[in-house]
Amino acid sequence: MALIAAARNYASKAEVPLTLASYAQKAPFVGDKIAALARIYDLSVMEASPMARPLIESVLFASGRPLVLFPADNFCGRIDTVAIGWDGSATLARALTGARLFLEIASRAIVISVTDDKEIDEDMRERFAAVLRKTVRTVEVVVAKAHGEPAGGAIQAICAENRADLLVVGGFGHSRLREVVFGGVTRTLLSNLEIPVLLAH
């Protein structure tokens, strides 16, 4: 009941229409049900908590829609600076489609490449930045190295330095087995999220 009251309060303050619905589902199928519901909407919003990890992965893999994850501590504010973890992947392209609404209202975008995580096509990155400049007033490209640390941590550090309000990345661009064994940006973010992130798979 407290969560419902908080949602109504936030929606009222933001003058956003809110519809609440409930459903019943047996425990093993909750993730499937939430993923099916997520297909109806433009994007889903979830909290990145360890308990929610199976539900998050269900929505990310099975909904076909983008997912916005918030850190477990409370966050509420205007999305003005959007960071993009650029790797040129198909999963990032899907995430960018979902991020269009945020990019249209942003005044600044930061395109981040971590070059020791995977090979980056610099020409494609610059072409993307040029296209992005038609929508966002200020676009910066930041190239960094992770120096043996997880690339997700390096990306979040750059976001913090630049006061980014939202990070856009592809979700599980590698195979799930490789992500489990070697880590990966998505797994790092799910384990230690410091900034709201929009993902798509």
N, C-alpha and C. Protein backbone atom coordinates (compact mmCIF):
# COMPACT_ATOMS: atom_id res chain seq x y z
N MET A 1 0.81 -1.19 0.00
CA MET A 1 0.00 0.00 0.00
C MET A 1 0.86 1.27 0.00
N ALA A 2 2.02 1.21 0.69
CA ALA A 2 2.92 2.38 0.73
C ALA A 2 3.46 2.68 -0.66
N LEU A 3 3.78 1.60 -1.42
CA LEU A 3 4.31 1.79 -2.78
C LEU A 3 3.25 2.42 -3.68
N ILE A 4 2.01 1.97 -3.57
CA ILE A 4 0.92 2.53 -4.37
C ILE A 4 0.73 4.00 -4.03
N ALA A 5 0.76 4.32 -2.74
CA ALA A 5 0.59 5.71 -2.31
C ALA A 5 1.73 6.58 -2.83
N ALA A 6 2.97 6.05 -2.79
CA ALA A 6 4.12 6.81 -3.28
C ALA A 6 4.01 7.04 -4.78
N ALA A 7 3.58 6.01 -5.54
CA ALA A 7 3.43 6.14 -6.99
C ALA A 7 2.38 7.20 -7.32
N ARG A 8 1.28 7.18 -6.60
CA ARG A 8 0.22 8.18 -6.84
C ARG A 8 0.72 9.58 -6.51
N ASN A 9 1.48 9.70 -5.44
CA ASN A 9 2.00 10.99 -5.02
C ASN A 9 2.96 11.56 -6.07
N TYR A 10 3.91 10.73 -6.53
CA TYR A 10 4.87 11.18 -7.55
C TYR A 10 4.16 11.56 -8.84
N ALA A 11 3.21 10.74 -9.26
CA ALA A 11 2.48 11.01 -10.51
C ALA A 11 1.69 12.31 -10.41
N SER A 12 1.09 12.54 -9.26
CA SER A 12 0.32 13.77 -9.06
C SER A 12 1.21 15.00 -9.13
N LYS A 13 2.38 14.93 -8.46
CA LYS A 13 3.31 16.06 -8.47
C LYS A 13 3.83 16.35 -9.88
N ALA A 14 4.04 15.29 -10.66
CA ALA A 14 4.57 15.45 -12.01
C ALA A 14 3.46 15.71 -13.04
N GLU A 15 2.20 15.68 -12.58
CA GLU A 15 1.03 15.86 -13.45
C GLU A 15 1.03 14.84 -14.59
N VAL A 16 1.32 13.58 -14.21
CA VAL A 16 1.34 12.47 -15.15
C VAL A 16 0.17 11.55 -14.82
N PRO A 17 -0.67 11.19 -15.82
CA PRO A 17 -1.76 10.28 -15.53
C PRO A 17 -1.23 8.91 -15.10
N LEU A 18 -1.86 8.30 -14.12
CA LEU A 18 -1.40 7.02 -13.57
C LEU A 18 -2.55 6.04 -13.52
N THR A 19 -2.31 4.84 -14.04
CA THR A 19 -3.27 3.75 -13.93
C THR A 19 -2.58 2.60 -13.20
N LEU A 20 -3.19 2.10 -12.14
CA LEU A 20 -2.64 0.99 -11.38
C LEU A 20 -3.51 -0.23 -11.59
N ALA A 21 -2.86 -1.39 -11.74
CA ALA A 21 -3.60 -2.64 -11.90
C ALA A 21 -2.88 -3.72 -11.12
N SER A 22 -3.62 -4.71 -10.65
CA SER A 22 -3.02 -5.83 -9.93
C SER A 22 -3.37 -7.13 -10.65
N TYR A 23 -2.60 -8.16 -10.38
CA TYR A 23 -2.86 -9.46 -10.97
C TYR A 23 -2.35 -10.53 -10.03
N ALA A 24 -2.84 -11.75 -10.20
CA ALA A 24 -2.40 -12.88 -9.40
C ALA A 24 -1.67 -13.86 -10.31
N GLN A 25 -0.55 -14.38 -9.86
CA GLN A 25 0.23 -15.33 -10.65
C GLN A 25 1.02 -16.23 -9.72
N LYS A 26 1.09 -17.51 -10.02
CA LYS A 26 1.87 -18.44 -9.20
C LYS A 26 3.35 -18.12 -9.34
N ALA A 27 4.08 -18.34 -8.26
CA ALA A 27 5.48 -17.92 -8.14
C ALA A 27 6.38 -18.29 -9.33
N PRO A 28 6.36 -19.51 -9.84
CA PRO A 28 7.33 -19.82 -10.91
C PRO A 28 7.09 -19.04 -12.21
N PHE A 29 5.90 -18.46 -12.35
CA PHE A 29 5.55 -17.82 -13.61
C PHE A 29 5.43 -16.30 -13.52
N VAL A 30 5.85 -15.73 -12.40
CA VAL A 30 5.73 -14.28 -12.22
C VAL A 30 6.55 -13.53 -13.27
N GLY A 31 7.79 -13.97 -13.53
CA GLY A 31 8.65 -13.32 -14.52
C GLY A 31 8.03 -13.34 -15.90
N ASP A 32 7.44 -14.49 -16.29
CA ASP A 32 6.79 -14.60 -17.60
C ASP A 32 5.61 -13.65 -17.70
N LYS A 33 4.85 -13.54 -16.61
CA LYS A 33 3.68 -12.66 -16.61
C LYS A 33 4.09 -11.20 -16.74
N ILE A 34 5.13 -10.79 -15.99
CA ILE A 34 5.58 -9.41 -16.05
C ILE A 34 6.15 -9.09 -17.43
N ALA A 35 6.88 -10.03 -18.02
CA ALA A 35 7.43 -9.82 -19.36
C ALA A 35 6.30 -9.66 -20.38
N ALA A 36 5.24 -10.47 -20.25
CA ALA A 36 4.10 -10.36 -21.16
C ALA A 36 3.41 -9.00 -21.00
N LEU A 37 3.24 -8.55 -19.75
CA LEU A 37 2.63 -7.24 -19.52
C LEU A 37 3.52 -6.13 -20.09
N ALA A 38 4.83 -6.28 -19.98
CA ALA A 38 5.75 -5.25 -20.46
C ALA A 38 5.65 -5.03 -21.96
N ARG A 39 5.23 -6.06 -22.71
CA ARG A 39 5.11 -5.93 -24.18
C ARG A 39 4.05 -4.92 -24.58
N ILE A 40 3.14 -4.62 -23.69
CA ILE A 40 2.04 -3.70 -24.00
C ILE A 40 2.50 -2.25 -23.98
N TYR A 41 3.56 -1.97 -23.20
CA TYR A 41 3.97 -0.58 -22.94
C TYR A 41 5.27 -0.23 -23.64
N ASP A 42 5.55 1.08 -23.74
CA ASP A 42 6.76 1.55 -24.42
C ASP A 42 8.03 1.10 -23.69
N LEU A 43 7.99 1.14 -22.37
CA LEU A 43 9.14 0.68 -21.59
C LEU A 43 8.68 0.31 -20.19
N SER A 44 9.53 -0.43 -19.50
CA SER A 44 9.26 -0.82 -18.12
C SER A 44 10.24 -0.12 -17.21
N VAL A 45 9.83 0.11 -15.96
CA VAL A 45 10.69 0.74 -14.95
C VAL A 45 10.75 -0.21 -13.76
N MET A 46 11.98 -0.56 -13.35
CA MET A 46 12.17 -1.48 -12.23
C MET A 46 13.31 -1.01 -11.35
N GLU A 47 13.33 -1.50 -10.12
CA GLU A 47 14.42 -1.21 -9.20
C GLU A 47 15.46 -2.32 -9.30
N ALA A 48 16.73 -1.94 -9.35
CA ALA A 48 17.81 -2.92 -9.48
C ALA A 48 18.20 -3.45 -8.11
N SER A 49 17.42 -4.37 -7.59
CA SER A 49 17.74 -5.00 -6.31
C SER A 49 18.05 -6.47 -6.55
N PRO A 50 18.87 -7.08 -5.70
CA PRO A 50 19.21 -8.50 -5.89
C PRO A 50 17.98 -9.40 -5.93
N MET A 51 16.97 -9.10 -5.10
CA MET A 51 15.76 -9.93 -5.09
C MET A 51 15.02 -9.88 -6.42
N ALA A 52 15.12 -8.74 -7.12
CA ALA A 52 14.39 -8.58 -8.38
C ALA A 52 15.16 -9.10 -9.59
N ARG A 53 16.39 -9.60 -9.40
CA ARG A 53 17.23 -10.00 -10.53
C ARG A 53 16.53 -10.96 -11.51
N PRO A 54 15.88 -12.04 -11.04
CA PRO A 54 15.20 -12.94 -12.00
C PRO A 54 14.10 -12.23 -12.79
N LEU A 55 13.36 -11.32 -12.14
CA LEU A 55 12.30 -10.58 -12.83
C LEU A 55 12.89 -9.61 -13.85
N ILE A 56 13.99 -8.96 -13.47
CA ILE A 56 14.67 -8.03 -14.38
C ILE A 56 15.12 -8.76 -15.64
N GLU A 57 15.75 -9.92 -15.45
CA GLU A 57 16.24 -10.67 -16.61
C GLU A 57 15.09 -11.18 -17.46
N SER A 58 13.96 -11.54 -16.84
CA SER A 58 12.78 -11.97 -17.62
C SER A 58 12.28 -10.83 -18.49
N VAL A 59 12.16 -9.65 -17.92
CA VAL A 59 11.68 -8.50 -18.69
C VAL A 59 12.67 -8.14 -19.79
N LEU A 60 13.96 -8.15 -19.46
CA LEU A 60 14.98 -7.78 -20.44
C LEU A 60 15.02 -8.75 -21.61
N PHE A 61 14.95 -10.06 -21.33
CA PHE A 61 15.09 -11.06 -22.40
C PHE A 61 13.78 -11.38 -23.10
N ALA A 62 12.65 -11.31 -22.39
CA ALA A 62 11.41 -11.85 -22.96
C ALA A 62 10.37 -10.81 -23.34
N SER A 63 10.56 -9.54 -22.96
CA SER A 63 9.50 -8.56 -23.25
C SER A 63 9.61 -7.97 -24.65
N GLY A 64 10.83 -7.86 -25.18
CA GLY A 64 11.02 -7.19 -26.46
C GLY A 64 10.94 -5.68 -26.35
N ARG A 65 10.91 -5.17 -25.12
CA ARG A 65 10.79 -3.74 -24.86
C ARG A 65 11.97 -3.26 -24.03
N PRO A 66 12.28 -1.95 -24.08
CA PRO A 66 13.35 -1.44 -23.24
C PRO A 66 12.95 -1.42 -21.77
N LEU A 67 13.98 -1.43 -20.93
CA LEU A 67 13.80 -1.48 -19.49
C LEU A 67 14.64 -0.38 -18.86
N VAL A 68 14.03 0.41 -17.98
CA VAL A 68 14.78 1.41 -17.22
C VAL A 68 14.94 0.88 -15.80
N LEU A 69 16.20 0.75 -15.37
CA LEU A 69 16.51 0.30 -14.02
C LEU A 69 16.99 1.48 -13.19
N PHE A 70 16.47 1.57 -11.97
CA PHE A 70 16.91 2.60 -11.04
C PHE A 70 17.72 1.96 -9.93
N PRO A 71 18.73 2.66 -9.41
CA PRO A 71 19.45 2.15 -8.25
C PRO A 71 18.49 1.93 -7.09
N ALA A 72 18.87 1.05 -6.17
CA ALA A 72 17.99 0.72 -5.05
C ALA A 72 17.71 1.92 -4.16
N ASP A 73 18.67 2.84 -4.04
CA ASP A 73 18.38 4.05 -3.27
C ASP A 73 17.51 4.98 -4.11
N ASN A 74 16.72 5.79 -3.48
CA ASN A 74 15.72 6.60 -4.18
C ASN A 74 16.38 7.58 -5.16
N PHE A 75 15.78 7.71 -6.32
CA PHE A 75 16.25 8.68 -7.31
C PHE A 75 15.04 9.32 -7.94
N CYS A 76 15.06 10.62 -8.02
CA CYS A 76 13.98 11.32 -8.70
C CYS A 76 14.53 12.65 -9.19
N GLY A 77 14.48 12.89 -10.47
CA GLY A 77 15.00 14.14 -11.01
C GLY A 77 14.80 14.22 -12.50
N ARG A 78 15.13 15.36 -13.04
CA ARG A 78 14.99 15.60 -14.47
C ARG A 78 16.10 14.89 -15.23
N ILE A 79 15.75 14.31 -16.38
CA ILE A 79 16.74 13.69 -17.25
C ILE A 79 17.22 14.76 -18.22
N ASP A 80 18.39 15.31 -17.97
CA ASP A 80 18.91 16.40 -18.81
C ASP A 80 20.17 15.98 -19.57
N THR A 81 21.02 15.18 -18.94
CA THR A 81 22.24 14.69 -19.58
C THR A 81 22.13 13.18 -19.73
N VAL A 82 22.20 12.71 -20.97
CA VAL A 82 22.09 11.28 -21.26
C VAL A 82 23.44 10.76 -21.72
N ALA A 83 23.93 9.72 -21.06
CA ALA A 83 25.17 9.06 -21.47
C ALA A 83 24.82 7.81 -22.26
N ILE A 84 25.63 7.52 -23.26
CA ILE A 84 25.39 6.35 -24.11
C ILE A 84 26.66 5.52 -24.14
N GLY A 85 26.56 4.27 -23.67
CA GLY A 85 27.70 3.35 -23.72
C GLY A 85 27.82 2.79 -25.13
N TRP A 86 28.64 3.43 -25.95
CA TRP A 86 28.70 3.10 -27.38
C TRP A 86 29.60 1.90 -27.65
N ASP A 87 29.00 0.87 -28.27
CA ASP A 87 29.80 -0.25 -28.78
C ASP A 87 29.37 -0.64 -30.19
N GLY A 88 28.37 0.08 -30.71
CA GLY A 88 27.93 -0.19 -32.08
C GLY A 88 27.10 -1.44 -32.24
N SER A 89 26.64 -2.02 -31.15
CA SER A 89 25.93 -3.31 -31.21
C SER A 89 24.45 -3.15 -31.57
N ALA A 90 23.85 -4.27 -31.98
CA ALA A 90 22.42 -4.29 -32.28
C ALA A 90 21.60 -4.05 -31.01
N THR A 91 22.08 -4.57 -29.87
CA THR A 91 21.33 -4.37 -28.63
C THR A 91 21.34 -2.89 -28.23
N LEU A 92 22.45 -2.19 -28.48
CA LEU A 92 22.47 -0.75 -28.20
C LEU A 92 21.51 -0.01 -29.13
N ALA A 93 21.47 -0.42 -30.40
CA ALA A 93 20.55 0.22 -31.35
C ALA A 93 19.11 0.11 -30.86
N ARG A 94 18.74 -1.07 -30.32
CA ARG A 94 17.38 -1.23 -29.79
C ARG A 94 17.17 -0.34 -28.57
N ALA A 95 18.18 -0.25 -27.72
CA ALA A 95 18.06 0.60 -26.54
C ALA A 95 17.90 2.07 -26.94
N LEU A 96 18.63 2.49 -27.97
CA LEU A 96 18.54 3.88 -28.43
C LEU A 96 17.15 4.21 -28.96
N THR A 97 16.50 3.24 -29.58
CA THR A 97 15.12 3.45 -30.03
C THR A 97 14.22 3.71 -28.82
N GLY A 98 14.43 2.95 -27.76
CA GLY A 98 13.66 3.15 -26.55
C GLY A 98 14.00 4.44 -25.83
N ALA A 99 15.23 4.94 -26.04
CA ALA A 99 15.69 6.15 -25.36
C ALA A 99 15.32 7.43 -26.10
N ARG A 100 14.67 7.31 -27.24
CA ARG A 100 14.38 8.48 -28.07
C ARG A 100 13.66 9.58 -27.30
N LEU A 101 12.68 9.21 -26.50
CA LEU A 101 11.92 10.20 -25.71
C LEU A 101 12.85 10.99 -24.81
N PHE A 102 13.80 10.31 -24.15
CA PHE A 102 14.73 11.00 -23.25
C PHE A 102 15.71 11.87 -24.03
N LEU A 103 16.17 11.39 -25.18
CA LEU A 103 17.12 12.15 -25.99
C LEU A 103 16.48 13.42 -26.56
N GLU A 104 15.19 13.35 -26.86
CA GLU A 104 14.50 14.51 -27.42
C GLU A 104 14.38 15.65 -26.43
N ILE A 105 14.40 15.35 -25.12
CA ILE A 105 14.28 16.41 -24.12
C ILE A 105 15.62 16.74 -23.46
N ALA A 106 16.66 15.96 -23.77
CA ALA A 106 17.97 16.19 -23.16
C ALA A 106 18.64 17.40 -23.80
N SER A 107 19.46 18.10 -23.01
CA SER A 107 20.23 19.21 -23.56
C SER A 107 21.67 18.79 -23.85
N ARG A 108 22.07 17.61 -23.34
CA ARG A 108 23.45 17.17 -23.50
C ARG A 108 23.51 15.65 -23.58
N ALA A 109 24.38 15.14 -24.44
CA ALA A 109 24.60 13.70 -24.54
C ALA A 109 26.10 13.43 -24.53
N ILE A 110 26.48 12.34 -23.89
CA ILE A 110 27.88 11.92 -23.83
C ILE A 110 27.96 10.52 -24.42
N VAL A 111 28.73 10.36 -25.47
CA VAL A 111 28.92 9.06 -26.12
C VAL A 111 30.22 8.48 -25.56
N ILE A 112 30.11 7.36 -24.84
CA ILE A 112 31.25 6.78 -24.13
C ILE A 112 31.69 5.48 -24.81
N SER A 113 32.99 5.41 -25.13
CA SER A 113 33.57 4.18 -25.65
C SER A 113 34.67 3.71 -24.72
N VAL A 114 34.58 2.47 -24.26
CA VAL A 114 35.68 1.85 -23.50
C VAL A 114 36.41 0.95 -24.48
N THR A 115 37.60 1.37 -24.86
CA THR A 115 38.27 0.75 -26.01
C THR A 115 39.03 -0.53 -25.70
N ASP A 116 39.28 -0.83 -24.41
CA ASP A 116 39.95 -2.10 -24.13
C ASP A 116 38.98 -3.20 -23.75
N ASP A 117 37.68 -2.91 -23.82
CA ASP A 117 36.66 -3.94 -23.57
C ASP A 117 36.34 -4.70 -24.84
N LYS A 118 36.18 -3.98 -25.94
CA LYS A 118 35.94 -4.59 -27.25
C LYS A 118 36.36 -3.61 -28.33
N GLU A 119 36.55 -4.12 -29.54
CA GLU A 119 36.98 -3.25 -30.64
C GLU A 119 35.85 -2.29 -31.01
N ILE A 120 36.19 -1.01 -31.13
CA ILE A 120 35.21 0.03 -31.43
C ILE A 120 35.47 0.57 -32.84
N ASP A 121 34.42 0.64 -33.64
CA ASP A 121 34.52 1.23 -34.97
C ASP A 121 34.39 2.76 -34.80
N GLU A 122 35.52 3.45 -34.85
CA GLU A 122 35.53 4.89 -34.58
C GLU A 122 34.71 5.68 -35.61
N ASP A 123 34.77 5.25 -36.87
CA ASP A 123 34.01 5.95 -37.91
C ASP A 123 32.51 5.88 -37.64
N MET A 124 32.03 4.69 -37.27
CA MET A 124 30.60 4.54 -36.96
C MET A 124 30.22 5.37 -35.73
N ARG A 125 31.10 5.41 -34.75
CA ARG A 125 30.82 6.20 -33.55
C ARG A 125 30.69 7.68 -33.90
N GLU A 126 31.59 8.18 -34.74
CA GLU A 126 31.53 9.59 -35.14
C GLU A 126 30.30 9.88 -35.99
N ARG A 127 29.92 8.95 -36.85
CA ARG A 127 28.70 9.11 -37.64
C ARG A 127 27.48 9.18 -36.72
N PHE A 128 27.47 8.31 -35.70
CA PHE A 128 26.37 8.31 -34.75
C PHE A 128 26.31 9.65 -34.01
N ALA A 129 27.46 10.15 -33.56
CA ALA A 129 27.51 11.43 -32.84
C ALA A 129 26.98 12.55 -33.72
N ALA A 130 27.30 12.50 -35.02
CA ALA A 130 26.82 13.53 -35.95
C ALA A 130 25.30 13.47 -36.08
N VAL A 131 24.76 12.27 -36.16
CA VAL A 131 23.29 12.12 -36.25
C VAL A 131 22.65 12.60 -34.95
N LEU A 132 23.26 12.27 -33.81
CA LEU A 132 22.72 12.65 -32.51
C LEU A 132 22.68 14.17 -32.35
N ARG A 133 23.64 14.86 -32.94
CA ARG A 133 23.69 16.33 -32.84
C ARG A 133 22.48 17.00 -33.50
N LYS A 134 21.75 16.28 -34.34
CA LYS A 134 20.54 16.84 -34.94
C LYS A 134 19.38 16.88 -33.94
N THR A 135 19.52 16.08 -32.86
CA THR A 135 18.48 16.01 -31.83
C THR A 135 18.89 16.71 -30.54
N VAL A 136 20.14 16.51 -30.13
CA VAL A 136 20.63 17.02 -28.84
C VAL A 136 21.59 18.17 -29.10
N ARG A 137 21.42 19.26 -28.35
CA ARG A 137 22.20 20.48 -28.58
C ARG A 137 23.71 20.25 -28.42
N THR A 138 24.13 19.57 -27.34
CA THR A 138 25.55 19.36 -27.08
C THR A 138 25.83 17.86 -27.03
N VAL A 139 26.76 17.40 -27.86
CA VAL A 139 27.15 15.98 -27.88
C VAL A 139 28.66 15.90 -27.73
N GLU A 140 29.11 15.15 -26.75
CA GLU A 140 30.54 14.94 -26.51
C GLU A 140 30.86 13.46 -26.66
N VAL A 141 32.06 13.18 -27.16
CA VAL A 141 32.54 11.80 -27.27
C VAL A 141 33.67 11.63 -26.26
N VAL A 142 33.54 10.62 -25.40
CA VAL A 142 34.57 10.33 -24.40
C VAL A 142 35.11 8.94 -24.67
N VAL A 143 36.42 8.84 -24.86
CA VAL A 143 37.08 7.56 -25.09
C VAL A 143 37.91 7.24 -23.86
N ALA A 144 37.74 6.03 -23.33
CA ALA A 144 38.44 5.67 -22.09
C ALA A 144 38.89 4.22 -22.14
N LYS A 145 39.75 3.86 -21.21
CA LYS A 145 40.17 2.47 -21.02
C LYS A 145 39.77 2.03 -19.62
N ALA A 146 39.45 0.75 -19.48
CA ALA A 146 39.04 0.22 -18.18
C ALA A 146 40.24 -0.22 -17.34
N HIS A 147 41.40 -0.42 -17.98
CA HIS A 147 42.63 -0.83 -17.29
C HIS A 147 42.42 -2.06 -16.42
N GLY A 148 41.78 -3.07 -17.01
CA GLY A 148 41.59 -4.34 -16.31
C GLY A 148 40.39 -4.39 -15.40
N GLU A 149 39.77 -3.25 -15.14
CA GLU A 149 38.55 -3.22 -14.32
C GLU A 149 37.34 -3.51 -15.21
N PRO A 150 36.19 -3.85 -14.64
CA PRO A 150 34.99 -4.06 -15.46
C PRO A 150 34.63 -2.79 -16.25
N ALA A 151 34.29 -2.97 -17.52
CA ALA A 151 33.94 -1.82 -18.37
C ALA A 151 32.73 -1.08 -17.82
N GLY A 152 31.80 -1.80 -17.21
CA GLY A 152 30.62 -1.15 -16.63
C GLY A 152 30.99 -0.16 -15.55
N GLY A 153 32.00 -0.50 -14.75
CA GLY A 153 32.47 0.42 -13.71
C GLY A 153 33.10 1.67 -14.29
N ALA A 154 33.90 1.48 -15.37
CA ALA A 154 34.53 2.62 -16.03
C ALA A 154 33.47 3.55 -16.64
N ILE A 155 32.45 2.97 -17.24
CA ILE A 155 31.38 3.76 -17.84
C ILE A 155 30.64 4.55 -16.77
N GLN A 156 30.33 3.91 -15.65
CA GLN A 156 29.61 4.61 -14.58
C GLN A 156 30.47 5.73 -13.97
N ALA A 157 31.79 5.52 -13.90
CA ALA A 157 32.68 6.57 -13.38
C ALA A 157 32.64 7.79 -14.29
N ILE A 158 32.63 7.57 -15.60
CA ILE A 158 32.55 8.68 -16.56
C ILE A 158 31.20 9.38 -16.43
N CYS A 159 30.14 8.59 -16.22
CA CYS A 159 28.81 9.19 -16.01
C CYS A 159 28.82 10.09 -14.78
N ALA A 160 29.45 9.63 -13.70
CA ALA A 160 29.50 10.43 -12.47
C ALA A 160 30.29 11.71 -12.69
N GLU A 161 31.43 11.61 -13.39
CA GLU A 161 32.25 12.79 -13.66
C GLU A 161 31.48 13.83 -14.47
N ASN A 162 30.63 13.36 -15.36
CA ASN A 162 29.89 14.25 -16.26
C ASN A 162 28.47 14.54 -15.78
N ARG A 163 28.14 14.08 -14.57
CA ARG A 163 26.81 14.30 -13.99
C ARG A 163 25.68 13.85 -14.91
N ALA A 164 25.85 12.69 -15.48
CA ALA A 164 24.80 12.14 -16.35
C ALA A 164 23.61 11.71 -15.51
N ASP A 165 22.42 11.89 -16.05
CA ASP A 165 21.19 11.54 -15.35
C ASP A 165 20.67 10.16 -15.76
N LEU A 166 21.08 9.69 -16.93
CA LEU A 166 20.61 8.41 -17.46
C LEU A 166 21.71 7.82 -18.33
N LEU A 167 21.91 6.51 -18.22
CA LEU A 167 22.86 5.79 -19.06
C LEU A 167 22.07 4.86 -19.98
N VAL A 168 22.40 4.86 -21.27
CA VAL A 168 21.75 3.97 -22.24
C VAL A 168 22.78 2.96 -22.73
N VAL A 169 22.48 1.67 -22.57
CA VAL A 169 23.38 0.60 -23.04
C VAL A 169 22.56 -0.54 -23.60
N GLY A 170 23.20 -1.37 -24.42
CA GLY A 170 22.58 -2.61 -24.85
C GLY A 170 22.62 -3.60 -23.70
N GLY A 171 21.68 -4.52 -23.65
CA GLY A 171 21.62 -5.49 -22.55
C GLY A 171 22.07 -6.86 -22.98
N PHE A 172 23.11 -7.39 -22.35
CA PHE A 172 23.65 -8.72 -22.66
C PHE A 172 23.94 -8.86 -24.15
N GLY A 173 24.90 -8.06 -24.61
CA GLY A 173 25.31 -8.13 -26.02
C GLY A 173 26.06 -9.40 -26.34
N HIS A 174 26.77 -9.96 -25.34
CA HIS A 174 27.45 -11.23 -25.53
C HIS A 174 26.46 -12.36 -25.24
N SER A 175 26.87 -13.60 -25.47
CA SER A 175 26.03 -14.73 -25.10
C SER A 175 25.86 -14.75 -23.58
N ARG A 176 24.76 -15.30 -23.11
CA ARG A 176 24.51 -15.33 -21.66
C ARG A 176 25.61 -16.11 -20.95
N LEU A 177 26.10 -17.21 -21.55
CA LEU A 177 27.15 -18.00 -20.92
C LEU A 177 28.40 -17.16 -20.74
N ARG A 178 28.78 -16.41 -21.80
CA ARG A 178 29.98 -15.58 -21.70
C ARG A 178 29.81 -14.50 -20.66
N GLU A 179 28.60 -13.92 -20.57
CA GLU A 179 28.34 -12.90 -19.57
C GLU A 179 28.50 -13.48 -18.16
N VAL A 180 27.99 -14.70 -17.94
CA VAL A 180 28.07 -15.32 -16.62
C VAL A 180 29.53 -15.60 -16.26
N VAL A 181 30.30 -16.12 -17.21
CA VAL A 181 31.68 -16.51 -16.94
C VAL A 181 32.60 -15.30 -16.83
N PHE A 182 32.48 -14.36 -17.76
CA PHE A 182 33.44 -13.26 -17.85
C PHE A 182 32.93 -11.94 -17.30
N GLY A 183 31.66 -11.87 -16.98
CA GLY A 183 31.13 -10.60 -16.47
C GLY A 183 30.39 -9.87 -17.56
N GLY A 184 30.89 -8.71 -17.98
CA GLY A 184 30.22 -7.93 -19.01
C GLY A 184 29.57 -6.70 -18.41
N VAL A 185 29.33 -5.71 -19.27
CA VAL A 185 28.79 -4.43 -18.81
C VAL A 185 27.44 -4.63 -18.13
N THR A 186 26.56 -5.40 -18.74
CA THR A 186 25.21 -5.56 -18.18
C THR A 186 25.27 -6.18 -16.79
N ARG A 187 26.05 -7.25 -16.65
CA ARG A 187 26.12 -7.92 -15.35
C ARG A 187 26.73 -7.00 -14.29
N THR A 188 27.73 -6.21 -14.67
CA THR A 188 28.31 -5.25 -13.74
C THR A 188 27.25 -4.25 -13.28
N LEU A 189 26.47 -3.74 -14.24
CA LEU A 189 25.44 -2.76 -13.90
C LEU A 189 24.37 -3.36 -12.99
N LEU A 190 23.96 -4.61 -13.29
CA LEU A 190 22.94 -5.24 -12.46
C LEU A 190 23.45 -5.47 -11.04
N SER A 191 24.75 -5.71 -10.89
CA SER A 191 25.33 -5.98 -9.57
C SER A 191 25.61 -4.72 -8.78
N ASN A 192 25.94 -3.64 -9.48
CA ASN A 192 26.37 -2.42 -8.76
C ASN A 192 25.93 -1.18 -9.54
N LEU A 193 24.64 -0.94 -9.55
CA LEU A 193 24.09 0.17 -10.32
C LEU A 193 24.18 1.47 -9.53
N GLU A 194 24.78 2.50 -10.14
CA GLU A 194 24.95 3.79 -9.48
C GLU A 194 24.12 4.88 -10.13
N ILE A 195 23.58 4.62 -11.33
CA ILE A 195 22.87 5.64 -12.10
C ILE A 195 21.70 4.94 -12.81
N PRO A 196 20.58 5.62 -13.00
CA PRO A 196 19.51 5.00 -13.79
C PRO A 196 20.02 4.59 -15.17
N VAL A 197 19.62 3.41 -15.62
CA VAL A 197 20.12 2.89 -16.89
C VAL A 197 18.96 2.35 -17.71
N LEU A 198 18.98 2.65 -19.01
CA LEU A 198 18.00 2.10 -19.94
C LEU A 198 18.68 1.02 -20.75
N LEU A 199 18.13 -0.18 -20.73
CA LEU A 199 18.69 -1.33 -21.45
C LEU A 199 17.66 -1.91 -22.39
N ALA A 200 18.13 -2.58 -23.42
CA ALA A 200 17.26 -3.39 -24.28
C ALA A 200 18.09 -4.55 -24.77
N HIS A 201 17.41 -5.66 -25.08
CA HIS A 201 18.12 -6.83 -25.58
C HIS A 201 17.57 -7.19 -26.94
